[in-house]
Amino acid sequence: MALQHAAPLDVISLKPQALTQQSERSHSLLRTDDFQLIHIALAAGDEMPEHTVAGPLTLQCLEGEAEVVTPGGTCALRAGELVMLPGGEPHAVRSLAGGMLLLTLVRRPDKD
């Protein structure tokens, strides 16, 4: 089954109720040649293991609390906060109290 992504001018609700209707832990909301928006829902204690992506990214905490762990340190995120990581930076994400995150990836088609 093909993923349903938003099209230009489609309104995407970031309200918790709209996002929790998705059954997957992560759901791609929008994808273009240049960037991708991904909603991530994590239960308390869930962890995304260390990984890297080619382009820079931002991770915004919409609800709850999370930690972003890199070789250079750990950053705590609470609702309403975001952090940026450069492309190629190894990172893991841990949920401290359950939460919803919005990941924005700058895509590099030659490296994806």
N, C-alpha and C. Protein backbone atom coordinates (compact mmCIF):
# COMPACT_ATOMS: atom_id res chain seq x y z
N MET A 1 0.84 -1.17 0.00
CA MET A 1 0.00 0.00 0.00
C MET A 1 0.88 1.24 0.00
N ALA A 2 0.61 2.19 -0.87
CA ALA A 2 1.39 3.42 -0.97
C ALA A 2 1.05 4.35 0.18
N LEU A 3 2.07 5.06 0.67
CA LEU A 3 1.85 6.04 1.72
C LEU A 3 1.06 7.21 1.19
N GLN A 4 0.15 7.72 2.00
CA GLN A 4 -0.60 8.92 1.65
C GLN A 4 0.12 10.13 2.23
N HIS A 5 0.69 10.95 1.36
CA HIS A 5 1.37 12.16 1.78
C HIS A 5 0.49 13.36 1.45
N ALA A 6 0.65 14.42 2.20
CA ALA A 6 -0.05 15.66 1.92
C ALA A 6 0.48 16.26 0.63
N ALA A 7 -0.36 17.03 -0.02
CA ALA A 7 0.00 17.75 -1.25
C ALA A 7 0.14 19.23 -0.89
N PRO A 8 0.73 20.03 -1.78
CA PRO A 8 0.82 21.47 -1.51
C PRO A 8 -0.55 22.04 -1.15
N LEU A 9 -0.57 22.87 -0.14
CA LEU A 9 -1.75 23.55 0.41
C LEU A 9 -2.70 22.63 1.18
N ASP A 10 -2.38 21.35 1.33
CA ASP A 10 -3.15 20.49 2.23
C ASP A 10 -2.82 20.90 3.66
N VAL A 11 -3.82 21.03 4.49
CA VAL A 11 -3.61 21.36 5.89
C VAL A 11 -3.38 20.06 6.66
N ILE A 12 -2.32 20.02 7.45
CA ILE A 12 -1.98 18.85 8.26
C ILE A 12 -2.21 19.23 9.71
N SER A 13 -3.08 18.52 10.39
CA SER A 13 -3.33 18.80 11.80
C SER A 13 -2.23 18.20 12.65
N LEU A 14 -1.68 19.00 13.55
CA LEU A 14 -0.67 18.53 14.49
C LEU A 14 -1.25 18.39 15.89
N LYS A 15 -2.57 18.43 16.00
CA LYS A 15 -3.23 18.24 17.29
C LYS A 15 -3.06 16.79 17.70
N PRO A 16 -2.82 16.54 18.98
CA PRO A 16 -2.57 15.16 19.43
C PRO A 16 -3.62 14.15 18.98
N GLN A 17 -4.89 14.50 19.05
CA GLN A 17 -5.93 13.54 18.67
C GLN A 17 -5.80 13.14 17.21
N ALA A 18 -5.52 14.08 16.32
CA ALA A 18 -5.38 13.77 14.90
C ALA A 18 -4.17 12.88 14.66
N LEU A 19 -3.09 13.11 15.38
CA LEU A 19 -1.87 12.35 15.18
C LEU A 19 -1.94 10.95 15.77
N THR A 20 -2.63 10.79 16.88
CA THR A 20 -2.68 9.47 17.51
C THR A 20 -3.62 8.52 16.79
N GLN A 21 -4.35 8.98 15.80
CA GLN A 21 -5.21 8.08 15.03
C GLN A 21 -4.37 7.18 14.12
N GLN A 22 -3.10 7.50 13.95
CA GLN A 22 -2.21 6.67 13.15
C GLN A 22 -1.80 5.47 14.00
N SER A 23 -1.77 4.29 13.40
CA SER A 23 -1.43 3.09 14.16
C SER A 23 0.08 2.84 14.24
N GLU A 24 0.86 3.43 13.37
CA GLU A 24 2.31 3.20 13.36
C GLU A 24 2.99 4.13 14.36
N ARG A 25 4.19 3.72 14.79
CA ARG A 25 5.00 4.55 15.66
C ARG A 25 5.44 5.82 14.95
N SER A 26 5.73 5.71 13.66
CA SER A 26 6.07 6.90 12.88
C SER A 26 5.25 6.90 11.59
N HIS A 27 4.96 8.09 11.13
CA HIS A 27 4.12 8.24 9.95
C HIS A 27 4.63 9.44 9.16
N SER A 28 4.94 9.22 7.89
CA SER A 28 5.38 10.30 7.02
C SER A 28 4.18 11.14 6.60
N LEU A 29 4.21 12.42 6.93
CA LEU A 29 3.10 13.32 6.63
C LEU A 29 3.24 13.98 5.27
N LEU A 30 4.47 14.32 4.90
CA LEU A 30 4.73 15.07 3.68
C LEU A 30 6.13 14.74 3.19
N ARG A 31 6.25 14.54 1.88
CA ARG A 31 7.57 14.24 1.31
C ARG A 31 7.68 14.91 -0.05
N THR A 32 8.75 15.67 -0.21
CA THR A 32 9.06 16.28 -1.51
C THR A 32 10.50 15.91 -1.84
N ASP A 33 10.99 16.41 -2.96
CA ASP A 33 12.39 16.17 -3.31
C ASP A 33 13.34 16.86 -2.32
N ASP A 34 12.84 17.89 -1.61
CA ASP A 34 13.69 18.71 -0.76
C ASP A 34 13.62 18.39 0.73
N PHE A 35 12.44 17.99 1.21
CA PHE A 35 12.32 17.73 2.64
C PHE A 35 11.20 16.73 2.92
N GLN A 36 11.18 16.24 4.17
CA GLN A 36 10.17 15.30 4.59
C GLN A 36 9.76 15.61 6.03
N LEU A 37 8.45 15.55 6.30
CA LEU A 37 7.92 15.70 7.65
C LEU A 37 7.44 14.35 8.13
N ILE A 38 7.87 13.96 9.33
CA ILE A 38 7.50 12.67 9.89
C ILE A 38 7.00 12.87 11.31
N HIS A 39 5.83 12.32 11.60
CA HIS A 39 5.29 12.34 12.97
C HIS A 39 5.78 11.08 13.67
N ILE A 40 6.26 11.24 14.90
CA ILE A 40 6.75 10.10 15.68
C ILE A 40 6.01 10.11 17.02
N ALA A 41 5.40 8.98 17.36
CA ALA A 41 4.72 8.82 18.65
C ALA A 41 5.50 7.77 19.45
N LEU A 42 5.91 8.14 20.66
CA LEU A 42 6.68 7.24 21.50
C LEU A 42 6.02 7.11 22.87
N ALA A 43 5.91 5.88 23.34
CA ALA A 43 5.43 5.64 24.70
C ALA A 43 6.59 5.91 25.67
N ALA A 44 6.27 6.13 26.92
CA ALA A 44 7.30 6.34 27.94
C ALA A 44 8.29 5.18 27.91
N GLY A 45 9.57 5.51 27.84
CA GLY A 45 10.62 4.49 27.82
C GLY A 45 11.00 3.99 26.44
N ASP A 46 10.21 4.31 25.41
CA ASP A 46 10.56 3.89 24.05
C ASP A 46 11.85 4.57 23.61
N GLU A 47 12.58 3.90 22.73
CA GLU A 47 13.83 4.46 22.21
C GLU A 47 13.96 4.15 20.73
N MET A 48 14.45 5.13 20.00
CA MET A 48 14.86 4.91 18.61
C MET A 48 16.37 4.75 18.66
N PRO A 49 16.89 3.59 18.26
CA PRO A 49 18.33 3.35 18.38
C PRO A 49 19.15 4.33 17.55
N GLU A 50 20.42 4.42 17.87
CA GLU A 50 21.31 5.33 17.17
C GLU A 50 21.28 5.06 15.67
N HIS A 51 21.22 6.15 14.90
CA HIS A 51 21.22 6.09 13.44
C HIS A 51 21.69 7.44 12.91
N THR A 52 21.87 7.52 11.61
CA THR A 52 22.23 8.79 10.96
C THR A 52 21.35 8.99 9.74
N VAL A 53 21.21 10.24 9.34
CA VAL A 53 20.55 10.59 8.09
C VAL A 53 21.48 11.52 7.33
N ALA A 54 21.33 11.56 6.01
CA ALA A 54 22.27 12.30 5.18
C ALA A 54 22.20 13.81 5.38
N GLY A 55 21.00 14.35 5.44
CA GLY A 55 20.86 15.81 5.53
C GLY A 55 20.56 16.29 6.94
N PRO A 56 20.60 17.61 7.13
CA PRO A 56 20.27 18.16 8.44
C PRO A 56 18.81 17.90 8.79
N LEU A 57 18.50 17.98 10.09
CA LEU A 57 17.14 17.72 10.54
C LEU A 57 16.80 18.60 11.72
N THR A 58 15.50 18.78 11.94
CA THR A 58 15.02 19.34 13.19
C THR A 58 14.08 18.33 13.82
N LEU A 59 14.08 18.28 15.13
CA LEU A 59 13.18 17.42 15.88
C LEU A 59 12.46 18.31 16.88
N GLN A 60 11.14 18.41 16.71
CA GLN A 60 10.31 19.26 17.55
C GLN A 60 9.44 18.40 18.45
N CYS A 61 9.43 18.71 19.74
CA CYS A 61 8.59 18.00 20.69
C CYS A 61 7.23 18.69 20.72
N LEU A 62 6.20 17.97 20.29
CA LEU A 62 4.84 18.50 20.29
C LEU A 62 4.14 18.25 21.62
N GLU A 63 4.48 17.13 22.24
CA GLU A 63 3.83 16.75 23.49
C GLU A 63 4.76 15.81 24.25
N GLY A 64 4.78 15.91 25.59
CA GLY A 64 5.59 15.01 26.39
C GLY A 64 7.02 15.49 26.54
N GLU A 65 7.93 14.54 26.73
CA GLU A 65 9.36 14.84 26.91
C GLU A 65 10.19 13.77 26.22
N ALA A 66 11.31 14.19 25.65
CA ALA A 66 12.21 13.25 24.98
C ALA A 66 13.65 13.72 25.16
N GLU A 67 14.57 12.82 24.92
CA GLU A 67 16.00 13.14 24.92
C GLU A 67 16.57 12.77 23.57
N VAL A 68 17.42 13.64 23.05
CA VAL A 68 18.18 13.36 21.84
C VAL A 68 19.62 13.13 22.30
N VAL A 69 20.15 11.97 21.96
CA VAL A 69 21.48 11.58 22.43
C VAL A 69 22.42 11.52 21.23
N THR A 70 23.51 12.26 21.29
CA THR A 70 24.54 12.26 20.24
C THR A 70 25.88 11.98 20.90
N PRO A 71 26.91 11.67 20.11
CA PRO A 71 28.24 11.49 20.71
C PRO A 71 28.72 12.73 21.45
N GLY A 72 28.20 13.91 21.07
CA GLY A 72 28.61 15.15 21.71
C GLY A 72 27.83 15.53 22.96
N GLY A 73 26.76 14.81 23.25
CA GLY A 73 25.98 15.13 24.45
C GLY A 73 24.52 14.74 24.30
N THR A 74 23.77 15.09 25.34
CA THR A 74 22.34 14.77 25.40
C THR A 74 21.56 16.07 25.53
N CYS A 75 20.45 16.14 24.80
CA CYS A 75 19.60 17.32 24.81
C CYS A 75 18.19 16.90 25.20
N ALA A 76 17.65 17.49 26.28
CA ALA A 76 16.28 17.21 26.69
C ALA A 76 15.33 18.13 25.94
N LEU A 77 14.24 17.58 25.44
CA LEU A 77 13.21 18.35 24.74
C LEU A 77 11.89 18.22 25.47
N ARG A 78 11.21 19.36 25.65
CA ARG A 78 9.86 19.37 26.21
C ARG A 78 8.92 19.96 25.16
N ALA A 79 7.64 19.79 25.38
CA ALA A 79 6.64 20.30 24.44
C ALA A 79 6.92 21.76 24.11
N GLY A 80 6.91 22.06 22.81
CA GLY A 80 7.14 23.42 22.34
C GLY A 80 8.60 23.75 22.05
N GLU A 81 9.50 22.76 22.20
CA GLU A 81 10.93 22.98 21.94
C GLU A 81 11.38 22.15 20.75
N LEU A 82 12.43 22.62 20.08
CA LEU A 82 13.02 21.84 18.98
C LEU A 82 14.52 21.96 19.00
N VAL A 83 15.15 21.00 18.33
CA VAL A 83 16.61 20.98 18.22
C VAL A 83 16.96 20.66 16.78
N MET A 84 18.11 21.16 16.33
CA MET A 84 18.61 20.89 14.98
C MET A 84 19.86 20.06 15.08
N LEU A 85 20.01 19.10 14.16
CA LEU A 85 21.23 18.29 14.06
C LEU A 85 21.74 18.37 12.62
N PRO A 86 23.06 18.45 12.45
CA PRO A 86 23.61 18.46 11.10
C PRO A 86 23.50 17.07 10.46
N GLY A 87 23.54 17.04 9.16
CA GLY A 87 23.53 15.78 8.44
C GLY A 87 24.71 14.91 8.84
N GLY A 88 24.46 13.61 8.92
CA GLY A 88 25.52 12.66 9.25
C GLY A 88 25.81 12.53 10.74
N GLU A 89 25.10 13.30 11.59
CA GLU A 89 25.32 13.23 13.04
C GLU A 89 24.63 11.99 13.61
N PRO A 90 25.39 11.06 14.20
CA PRO A 90 24.74 9.91 14.83
C PRO A 90 23.87 10.39 15.99
N HIS A 91 22.68 9.83 16.11
CA HIS A 91 21.79 10.24 17.19
C HIS A 91 20.78 9.13 17.51
N ALA A 92 20.33 9.14 18.75
CA ALA A 92 19.26 8.27 19.22
C ALA A 92 18.23 9.16 19.89
N VAL A 93 17.01 8.67 20.01
CA VAL A 93 15.94 9.43 20.66
C VAL A 93 15.30 8.52 21.71
N ARG A 94 15.15 9.07 22.93
CA ARG A 94 14.50 8.34 24.01
C ARG A 94 13.31 9.15 24.51
N SER A 95 12.21 8.48 24.74
CA SER A 95 11.04 9.13 25.32
C SER A 95 11.12 9.03 26.83
N LEU A 96 11.00 10.15 27.50
CA LEU A 96 11.06 10.16 28.97
C LEU A 96 9.68 9.96 29.58
N ALA A 97 8.67 10.56 28.96
CA ALA A 97 7.33 10.50 29.54
C ALA A 97 6.27 10.26 28.47
N GLY A 98 6.64 9.62 27.40
CA GLY A 98 5.72 9.48 26.28
C GLY A 98 5.64 10.81 25.56
N GLY A 99 5.36 10.77 24.29
CA GLY A 99 5.27 12.04 23.60
C GLY A 99 5.11 11.91 22.10
N MET A 100 4.95 13.07 21.50
CA MET A 100 4.82 13.17 20.06
C MET A 100 5.86 14.14 19.54
N LEU A 101 6.53 13.72 18.49
CA LEU A 101 7.61 14.51 17.90
C LEU A 101 7.31 14.75 16.44
N LEU A 102 7.80 15.88 15.93
CA LEU A 102 7.71 16.19 14.51
C LEU A 102 9.13 16.31 13.98
N LEU A 103 9.48 15.41 13.09
CA LEU A 103 10.82 15.36 12.50
C LEU A 103 10.77 15.99 11.11
N THR A 104 11.65 16.95 10.86
CA THR A 104 11.78 17.57 9.55
C THR A 104 13.16 17.21 9.01
N LEU A 105 13.18 16.48 7.92
CA LEU A 105 14.43 16.07 7.28
C LEU A 105 14.67 16.89 6.02
N VAL A 106 15.86 17.43 5.89
CA VAL A 106 16.25 18.04 4.62
C VAL A 106 16.81 16.90 3.80
N ARG A 107 16.17 16.65 2.67
CA ARG A 107 16.54 15.48 1.87
C ARG A 107 17.68 15.83 0.92
N ARG A 108 18.54 14.88 0.72
CA ARG A 108 19.61 14.98 -0.26
C ARG A 108 19.45 13.79 -1.19
N PRO A 109 18.66 13.96 -2.26
CA PRO A 109 18.32 12.82 -3.13
C PRO A 109 19.53 12.02 -3.60
N ASP A 110 20.68 12.66 -3.77
CA ASP A 110 21.85 11.94 -4.23
C ASP A 110 22.42 11.02 -3.13
N LYS A 111 21.97 11.21 -1.86
CA LYS A 111 22.48 10.43 -0.75
C LYS A 111 21.40 9.60 -0.06
N ASP A 112 20.13 9.81 -0.39
CA ASP A 112 19.02 9.08 0.25
C ASP A 112 18.87 7.70 -0.32
